Amino acid sequence: MVVEVYAGKDRTQVPYESKGKGGFKRAKFVFKAVSNHTELHFLAHFTP
């Protein structure tokens, strides 16, 4: 599984391998707001 984070024109991807027992992985995403309205989008993609 890959978690993607978008903010404006910036993007980062964090891979995560699920072991079926719950869990998490920390990641850091640094961005600079380029307008008064900034959105963050978190997307998770699963490929079997």
Protein backbone atom coordinates (compact mmCIF):
# COMPACT_ATOMS: atom_id res chain seq x y z
CA MET A 1 0.00 0.00 0.00
CA VAL A 2 1.17 3.52 -0.71
CA VAL A 3 -0.14 6.63 1.02
CA GLU A 4 0.12 9.78 -1.12
CA VAL A 5 -0.08 13.31 0.26
CA TYR A 6 -0.74 16.34 -1.94
CA ALA A 7 -0.54 20.01 -0.99
CA GLY A 8 -0.67 22.49 -3.84
CA LYS A 9 1.94 21.37 -6.37
CA ASP A 10 3.93 19.29 -3.86
CA ARG A 11 3.50 15.55 -3.44
CA THR A 12 5.08 12.76 -1.44
CA GLN A 13 4.51 9.00 -1.22
CA VAL A 14 5.03 6.75 1.78
CA PRO A 15 5.03 2.97 1.30
CA TYR A 16 3.39 0.84 4.00
CA GLU A 17 3.30 -2.93 4.27
CA SER A 18 0.33 -4.18 6.27
CA LYS A 19 0.83 -7.23 8.46
CA GLY A 20 -2.89 -7.57 9.24
CA LYS A 21 -2.54 -6.65 12.92
CA GLY A 22 -3.06 -2.90 12.73
CA GLY A 23 -0.17 -0.51 12.82
CA PHE A 24 1.20 2.73 11.53
CA LYS A 25 4.21 4.36 9.94
CA ARG A 26 5.31 7.91 10.67
CA ALA A 27 6.18 10.25 7.85
CA LYS A 28 6.91 13.95 7.57
CA PHE A 29 5.62 16.21 4.82
CA VAL A 30 6.90 19.79 4.75
CA PHE A 31 5.20 22.27 2.45
CA LYS A 32 4.71 26.02 2.04
CA ALA A 33 1.24 27.47 1.53
CA VAL A 34 1.20 29.40 -1.75
CA SER A 35 -2.27 30.95 -1.42
CA ASN A 36 -4.93 31.81 1.16
CA HIS A 37 -6.68 28.51 0.47
CA THR A 38 -4.52 25.39 0.86
CA GLU A 39 -5.80 21.81 0.86
CA LEU A 40 -4.12 18.60 1.96
CA HIS A 41 -5.24 15.36 0.31
CA PHE A 42 -4.36 11.95 1.76
CA LEU A 43 -4.87 9.02 -0.60
CA ALA A 44 -4.24 5.35 0.14
CA HIS A 45 -3.72 2.92 -2.75
CA PHE A 46 -3.80 -0.82 -2.24
CA THR A 47 -2.45 -3.21 -4.83
CA PRO A 48 -2.74 -6.93 -4.02
